[in-house]
Every structure is written in structure tokens, then in C-alpha cells.
Amino acid sequence: MSLIPPAILPLLEGQNLTDKGCIPLTDTIAQTNLPHNFNAVPPGLFSGCNATKSELATIRVEAKNGWASLNFISTASVQEMVGE
């Protein structure tokens, strides 16, 4: 929570991000105040982060193909990135 930019905090409506960095399902700004069936959300989708230790990944591509496409999912839009 200490890494969330101050401008984002009001959007959380006094709630914390989940341990996966998600806006809570009960946040009416993000999820609206329309009726929801929160029981239909699979366990672990928004919370349940488990710390792991792994080696850095190496992504190899064939230069002869001219390009490579990668997609990353991240909460970087609402959190600051901190490098070491």
C-alpha cells in the first residue's frame, strides 16, 4: 500500500489492494454498484498471492523472424515500479 501513488488512493474507497495488487471486488468505483455475484469469482483470482523464489527468466526468440510479441499482466498502472 505504501507504493500506491496518492492520486490513486481515493479510488480504493478506504480499502487496501488485495495481496495480488488487485482493486477489491467490493470497490464500487471500479466494479460499479450494480448487483454482483461475488460467489461466482473463482478463489485465488483476486487474492491468495504466494511468495515464490525462482531464477530469472530468459526469453529466447529467433532474430530471423524479425520480431517477437510479449504480453505482461501487471498492476503497474496503479503502483510504482521499484527497481533494485
Protein backbone atom coordinates (compact mmCIF):
# COMPACT_ATOMS: atom_id res chain seq x y z
CA MET A 1 0.00 0.00 0.00
CA SER A 2 2.94 2.34 0.61
CA LEU A 3 3.81 2.20 -3.11
CA ILE A 4 0.40 3.38 -4.36
CA PRO A 5 0.56 6.90 -5.82
CA PRO A 6 -1.51 9.33 -3.70
CA ALA A 7 -3.79 10.16 -6.64
CA ILE A 8 -4.98 6.53 -6.73
CA LEU A 9 -5.83 6.19 -3.03
CA PRO A 10 -9.33 7.77 -3.28
CA LEU A 11 -10.28 5.15 -5.87
CA LEU A 12 -9.80 2.45 -3.25
CA GLU A 13 -12.58 3.91 -1.07
CA GLY A 14 -10.56 3.31 2.11
CA GLN A 15 -9.83 -0.32 1.20
CA ASN A 16 -6.46 -1.96 0.59
CA LEU A 17 -5.34 -3.62 -2.60
CA THR A 18 -5.50 -7.38 -2.38
CA ASP A 19 -2.29 -9.32 -1.80
CA LYS A 20 -2.11 -9.75 -5.60
CA GLY A 21 -2.29 -5.99 -6.11
CA CYS A 22 -5.92 -6.00 -7.30
CA ILE A 23 -8.61 -3.47 -6.51
CA PRO A 24 -11.09 -5.23 -4.18
CA LEU A 25 -14.21 -6.69 -5.77
CA THR A 26 -16.35 -4.64 -3.39
CA ASP A 27 -14.91 -1.34 -4.69
CA THR A 28 -17.91 0.47 -6.21
CA ILE A 29 -15.80 2.86 -8.30
CA ALA A 30 -14.02 0.01 -10.10
CA GLN A 31 -16.84 -2.53 -10.06
CA THR A 32 -19.86 -0.16 -10.03
CA ASN A 33 -22.67 -0.53 -7.54
CA LEU A 34 -24.78 -2.77 -9.79
CA PRO A 35 -25.71 -6.19 -8.40
CA HIS A 36 -22.85 -8.69 -8.44
CA ASN A 37 -22.47 -12.38 -7.68
CA PHE A 38 -19.13 -12.31 -5.90
CA ASN A 39 -19.51 -16.01 -5.07
CA ALA A 40 -19.03 -16.75 -8.79
CA VAL A 41 -15.47 -15.35 -8.70
CA PRO A 42 -13.03 -18.27 -8.52
CA PRO A 43 -10.92 -18.44 -5.36
CA GLY A 44 -7.44 -17.09 -5.97
CA LEU A 45 -8.40 -14.82 -8.87
CA PHE A 46 -8.05 -11.56 -6.92
CA SER A 47 -6.24 -12.73 -3.78
CA GLY A 48 -4.10 -15.55 -2.48
CA CYS A 49 -0.62 -14.50 -3.57
CA ASN A 50 2.12 -16.93 -2.61
CA ALA A 51 5.69 -15.72 -2.47
CA THR A 52 7.99 -17.81 -4.60
CA LYS A 53 11.65 -17.86 -5.40
CA SER A 54 12.73 -18.65 -8.91
CA GLU A 55 15.59 -17.89 -11.22
CA LEU A 56 15.30 -15.00 -13.64
CA ALA A 57 13.57 -15.97 -16.85
CA THR A 58 15.32 -15.86 -20.20
CA ILE A 59 13.14 -15.40 -23.24
CA ARG A 60 14.79 -16.57 -26.42
CA VAL A 61 13.49 -15.50 -29.81
CA GLU A 62 14.52 -16.18 -33.36
CA ALA A 63 16.05 -12.97 -34.75
CA LYS A 64 15.44 -14.22 -38.28
CA ASN A 65 11.67 -13.87 -37.67
CA GLY A 66 12.13 -10.12 -37.33
CA TRP A 67 10.07 -9.57 -34.19
CA ALA A 68 8.66 -11.12 -31.02
CA SER A 69 5.47 -10.28 -29.14
CA LEU A 70 5.24 -10.50 -25.34
CA ASN A 71 2.27 -9.70 -23.11
CA PHE A 72 2.70 -8.99 -19.41
CA ILE A 73 -0.07 -8.60 -16.87
CA SER A 74 0.77 -6.22 -14.06
CA THR A 75 -0.63 -3.71 -11.60
CA ALA A 76 1.98 -1.20 -12.70
CA SER A 77 -0.76 1.23 -13.70
CA VAL A 78 -1.69 1.73 -10.02
CA GLN A 79 1.63 1.03 -8.32
CA GLU A 80 5.06 2.50 -8.56
CA MET A 81 7.78 0.35 -10.02
CA VAL A 82 10.78 -0.08 -7.75
CA GLY A 83 13.99 -1.42 -9.22
CA GLU A 84 16.95 -2.82 -7.40
